[in-house]
N, C-alpha and C. Protein backbone atom coordinates (compact mmCIF):
# COMPACT_ATOMS: atom_id res chain seq x y z
N MET A 1 191.07 52.48 171.27
CA MET A 1 192.32 52.94 171.78
C MET A 1 192.69 54.27 171.12
N LYS A 2 193.09 55.26 171.93
CA LYS A 2 193.41 56.58 171.41
C LYS A 2 194.86 56.65 170.94
N ASN A 3 195.07 57.34 169.83
CA ASN A 3 196.43 57.60 169.36
C ASN A 3 196.96 58.86 170.04
N LYS A 4 198.23 58.85 170.37
CA LYS A 4 198.85 60.02 170.97
C LYS A 4 199.11 61.05 169.87
N VAL A 5 198.49 62.23 170.00
CA VAL A 5 198.58 63.24 168.97
C VAL A 5 199.49 64.40 169.38
N THR A 6 199.52 64.69 170.65
CA THR A 6 200.28 65.85 171.11
C THR A 6 201.78 65.60 171.03
N GLN A 7 202.51 66.68 170.79
CA GLN A 7 203.96 66.61 170.75
C GLN A 7 204.52 66.78 172.16
N THR A 8 205.61 66.15 172.39
CA THR A 8 206.30 66.40 173.65
C THR A 8 207.02 67.73 173.51
N SER A 9 207.42 68.31 174.62
CA SER A 9 208.13 69.59 174.56
C SER A 9 209.45 69.43 173.82
N ARG A 10 210.08 68.29 173.94
CA ARG A 10 211.34 68.04 173.23
C ARG A 10 211.12 68.05 171.72
N GLU A 11 210.05 67.37 171.25
CA GLU A 11 209.76 67.33 169.82
C GLU A 11 209.40 68.73 169.31
N SER A 12 208.63 69.46 170.09
CA SER A 12 208.22 70.80 169.71
C SER A 12 209.43 71.72 169.61
N ASN A 13 210.33 71.64 170.57
CA ASN A 13 211.54 72.47 170.55
C ASN A 13 212.42 72.12 169.35
N LYS A 14 212.56 70.83 169.04
CA LYS A 14 213.36 70.39 167.90
C LYS A 14 212.78 70.95 166.60
N THR A 15 211.46 70.92 166.47
CA THR A 15 210.80 71.46 165.29
C THR A 15 211.07 72.95 165.15
N ASN A 16 210.96 73.69 166.25
CA ASN A 16 211.21 75.14 166.20
C ASN A 16 212.64 75.44 165.82
N ILE A 17 213.59 74.69 166.33
CA ILE A 17 215.00 74.90 166.01
C ILE A 17 215.24 74.63 164.52
N GLU A 18 214.68 73.53 164.00
CA GLU A 18 214.87 73.18 162.58
C GLU A 18 214.25 74.24 161.68
N GLU A 19 213.06 74.74 162.04
CA GLU A 19 212.42 75.77 161.23
C GLU A 19 213.22 77.07 161.28
N GLY A 20 213.78 77.39 162.44
CA GLY A 20 214.61 78.58 162.56
C GLY A 20 215.87 78.48 161.73
N LYS A 21 216.46 77.30 161.70
CA LYS A 21 217.67 77.06 160.91
C LYS A 21 217.38 77.22 159.43
N GLU A 22 216.23 76.74 158.99
CA GLU A 22 215.86 76.86 157.58
C GLU A 22 215.72 78.33 157.19
N VAL A 23 215.06 79.11 158.03
CA VAL A 23 214.88 80.53 157.74
C VAL A 23 216.23 81.24 157.69
N THR A 24 217.12 80.92 158.63
CA THR A 24 218.45 81.51 158.65
C THR A 24 219.21 81.16 157.37
N GLN A 25 219.13 79.90 156.96
CA GLN A 25 219.83 79.48 155.73
C GLN A 25 219.23 80.16 154.50
N LEU A 26 217.90 80.32 154.48
CA LEU A 26 217.26 81.01 153.36
C LEU A 26 217.82 82.43 153.22
N LYS A 27 217.92 83.13 154.35
CA LYS A 27 218.44 84.49 154.33
C LYS A 27 219.89 84.52 153.89
N LYS A 28 220.69 83.57 154.36
CA LYS A 28 222.10 83.51 153.98
C LYS A 28 222.26 83.27 152.48
N VAL A 29 221.46 82.34 151.93
CA VAL A 29 221.54 82.04 150.50
C VAL A 29 221.13 83.26 149.69
N LEU A 30 220.05 83.90 150.09
CA LEU A 30 219.57 85.09 149.38
C LEU A 30 220.62 86.21 149.42
N ASN A 31 221.21 86.43 150.58
CA ASN A 31 222.25 87.46 150.71
C ASN A 31 223.49 87.13 149.89
N CYS A 32 223.82 85.85 149.81
CA CYS A 32 224.98 85.43 149.02
C CYS A 32 224.76 85.72 147.54
N ILE A 33 223.56 85.46 147.05
CA ILE A 33 223.25 85.75 145.65
C ILE A 33 223.33 87.26 145.41
N LYS A 34 222.78 88.04 146.35
CA LYS A 34 222.85 89.51 146.23
C LYS A 34 224.30 89.99 146.20
N LYS A 35 225.13 89.39 147.03
CA LYS A 35 226.54 89.77 147.14
C LYS A 35 227.26 89.60 145.81
N HIS A 36 226.85 88.60 145.03
CA HIS A 36 227.50 88.32 143.75
C HIS A 36 226.75 88.98 142.58
N GLY A 37 226.12 90.08 142.85
CA GLY A 37 225.47 90.84 141.80
C GLY A 37 224.19 90.22 141.29
N GLY A 38 223.58 89.37 142.09
CA GLY A 38 222.32 88.75 141.70
C GLY A 38 222.49 87.51 140.86
N LEU A 39 223.73 87.06 140.64
CA LEU A 39 223.98 85.84 139.87
C LEU A 39 224.93 84.93 140.64
N SER A 40 224.59 83.66 140.72
CA SER A 40 225.45 82.72 141.41
C SER A 40 225.11 81.30 140.97
N THR A 41 225.81 80.32 141.54
CA THR A 41 225.53 78.91 141.29
C THR A 41 225.43 78.19 142.63
N ILE A 42 224.85 77.02 142.61
CA ILE A 42 224.71 76.23 143.83
C ILE A 42 226.08 75.96 144.44
N ASN A 43 227.04 75.55 143.62
CA ASN A 43 228.37 75.23 144.15
C ASN A 43 229.07 76.46 144.74
N LYS A 44 228.92 77.58 144.10
CA LYS A 44 229.54 78.81 144.60
C LYS A 44 228.95 79.20 145.96
N ILE A 45 227.63 79.12 146.07
CA ILE A 45 226.95 79.43 147.33
C ILE A 45 227.37 78.42 148.40
N SER A 46 227.40 77.16 148.02
CA SER A 46 227.76 76.09 148.96
C SER A 46 229.16 76.31 149.54
N ARG A 47 230.11 76.61 148.69
CA ARG A 47 231.48 76.83 149.17
C ARG A 47 231.58 78.07 150.05
N GLU A 48 230.93 79.13 149.64
CA GLU A 48 231.02 80.38 150.40
C GLU A 48 230.37 80.29 151.77
N LEU A 49 229.23 79.61 151.84
CA LEU A 49 228.50 79.53 153.11
C LEU A 49 228.83 78.28 153.92
N ASN A 50 229.62 77.39 153.32
CA ASN A 50 229.97 76.13 153.98
C ASN A 50 228.72 75.32 154.33
N ILE A 51 227.83 75.22 153.36
CA ILE A 51 226.59 74.45 153.47
C ILE A 51 226.61 73.42 152.35
N TYR A 52 226.14 72.21 152.63
CA TYR A 52 226.10 71.17 151.60
C TYR A 52 225.31 71.65 150.37
N PRO A 53 225.77 71.28 149.16
CA PRO A 53 225.05 71.67 147.94
C PRO A 53 223.59 71.22 147.94
N SER A 54 223.30 70.05 148.50
CA SER A 54 221.90 69.59 148.54
C SER A 54 221.04 70.49 149.42
N THR A 55 221.63 71.02 150.49
CA THR A 55 220.90 71.95 151.36
C THR A 55 220.67 73.27 150.64
N VAL A 56 221.68 73.74 149.92
CA VAL A 56 221.53 74.97 149.14
C VAL A 56 220.42 74.78 148.10
N ALA A 57 220.41 73.62 147.44
CA ALA A 57 219.38 73.33 146.44
C ALA A 57 217.98 73.35 147.07
N ALA A 58 217.86 72.81 148.27
CA ALA A 58 216.58 72.80 148.97
C ALA A 58 216.14 74.23 149.30
N ARG A 59 217.08 75.04 149.75
CA ARG A 59 216.74 76.44 150.08
C ARG A 59 216.39 77.22 148.82
N LEU A 60 217.08 76.93 147.72
CA LEU A 60 216.75 77.59 146.45
C LEU A 60 215.36 77.18 145.97
N SER A 61 214.98 75.93 146.17
CA SER A 61 213.64 75.49 145.80
C SER A 61 212.58 76.32 146.52
N LYS A 62 212.84 76.58 147.79
CA LYS A 62 211.91 77.42 148.57
C LYS A 62 211.90 78.84 148.02
N LEU A 63 213.08 79.38 147.67
CA LEU A 63 213.14 80.73 147.10
C LEU A 63 212.44 80.80 145.74
N TYR A 64 212.51 79.71 144.97
CA TYR A 64 211.77 79.66 143.70
C TYR A 64 210.27 79.73 143.97
N GLN A 65 209.80 78.97 144.97
CA GLN A 65 208.38 78.97 145.33
C GLN A 65 207.92 80.36 145.79
N LEU A 66 208.79 81.06 146.50
CA LEU A 66 208.48 82.39 147.00
C LEU A 66 208.69 83.47 145.94
N ASN A 67 209.11 83.05 144.75
CA ASN A 67 209.38 83.96 143.63
C ASN A 67 210.45 84.99 143.98
N LYS A 68 211.47 84.56 144.72
CA LYS A 68 212.60 85.42 145.08
C LYS A 68 213.82 85.15 144.20
N ALA A 69 213.91 83.94 143.65
CA ALA A 69 215.04 83.55 142.81
C ALA A 69 214.53 82.72 141.64
N LYS A 70 215.36 82.62 140.59
CA LYS A 70 214.98 81.83 139.42
C LYS A 70 216.23 81.29 138.74
N LYS A 71 216.05 80.25 137.95
CA LYS A 71 217.12 79.73 137.12
C LYS A 71 217.13 80.54 135.84
N THR A 72 218.31 80.96 135.41
CA THR A 72 218.38 81.81 134.22
C THR A 72 218.37 81.00 132.92
N GLY A 73 218.72 79.72 133.00
CA GLY A 73 218.84 78.92 131.80
C GLY A 73 220.26 78.93 131.26
N ASP A 74 221.11 79.83 131.78
CA ASP A 74 222.51 79.90 131.37
C ASP A 74 223.34 78.97 132.24
N THR A 75 224.50 78.58 131.74
CA THR A 75 225.44 77.79 132.53
C THR A 75 226.81 78.45 132.47
N ILE A 76 227.57 78.28 133.54
CA ILE A 76 228.95 78.77 133.57
C ILE A 76 229.85 77.66 134.07
N LEU A 77 231.11 77.77 133.75
CA LEU A 77 232.09 76.79 134.19
C LEU A 77 232.54 77.14 135.60
N ASP A 78 232.41 76.20 136.53
CA ASP A 78 232.83 76.41 137.90
C ASP A 78 234.35 76.46 137.96
N SER A 79 234.88 77.47 138.62
CA SER A 79 236.33 77.66 138.67
C SER A 79 237.04 76.58 139.48
N VAL A 80 236.35 75.94 140.41
CA VAL A 80 236.97 74.92 141.26
C VAL A 80 236.77 73.52 140.68
N THR A 81 235.52 73.18 140.40
CA THR A 81 235.23 71.81 139.94
C THR A 81 235.44 71.63 138.44
N LYS A 82 235.50 72.74 137.70
CA LYS A 82 235.64 72.72 136.23
C LYS A 82 234.46 72.04 135.56
N ARG A 83 233.32 72.10 136.22
CA ARG A 83 232.08 71.55 135.65
C ARG A 83 231.12 72.67 135.35
N SER A 84 230.23 72.40 134.43
CA SER A 84 229.22 73.37 134.06
C SER A 84 228.15 73.45 135.15
N ASN A 85 227.79 74.67 135.55
CA ASN A 85 226.80 74.89 136.59
C ASN A 85 225.72 75.85 136.11
N GLU A 86 224.50 75.57 136.50
CA GLU A 86 223.38 76.43 136.15
C GLU A 86 223.42 77.72 136.97
N VAL A 87 223.13 78.83 136.31
CA VAL A 87 223.18 80.14 136.96
C VAL A 87 221.83 80.44 137.62
N ILE A 88 221.91 80.94 138.86
CA ILE A 88 220.74 81.33 139.63
C ILE A 88 220.75 82.85 139.73
N SER A 89 219.59 83.46 139.58
CA SER A 89 219.52 84.93 139.72
C SER A 89 218.36 85.30 140.61
N LEU A 90 218.38 86.54 141.05
CA LEU A 90 217.28 87.07 141.84
C LEU A 90 216.17 87.51 140.90
N VAL A 91 214.94 87.42 141.37
CA VAL A 91 213.81 87.89 140.59
C VAL A 91 213.71 89.39 140.80
N ASP A 92 213.59 90.13 139.71
CA ASP A 92 213.49 91.59 139.81
C ASP A 92 212.22 91.97 140.55
N ALA A 93 212.37 92.86 141.53
CA ALA A 93 211.20 93.36 142.25
C ALA A 93 210.52 94.41 141.38
N ALA A 94 209.28 94.14 141.06
CA ALA A 94 208.56 95.07 140.17
C ALA A 94 207.65 95.97 140.95
């Protein structure tokens, strides 16, 4: 018995939309960090872009893999939540 391997057009379209959304969010997160002088936090980005913090974290993981962003090791106090947050920065283009 053969397994069905091909995608339906609906599944293919859904995949393309999700991949497009991820790319759009990556660009938004990167631009948000640039807007704040190359330093930001997940919560700050999340509030500004109205994206869930977990989604921002996922997009940052991709930016880390692409060597576009990094964790600085510093923490700052979030002005809204009053909790300590790790600082994210852009990787210097050499």
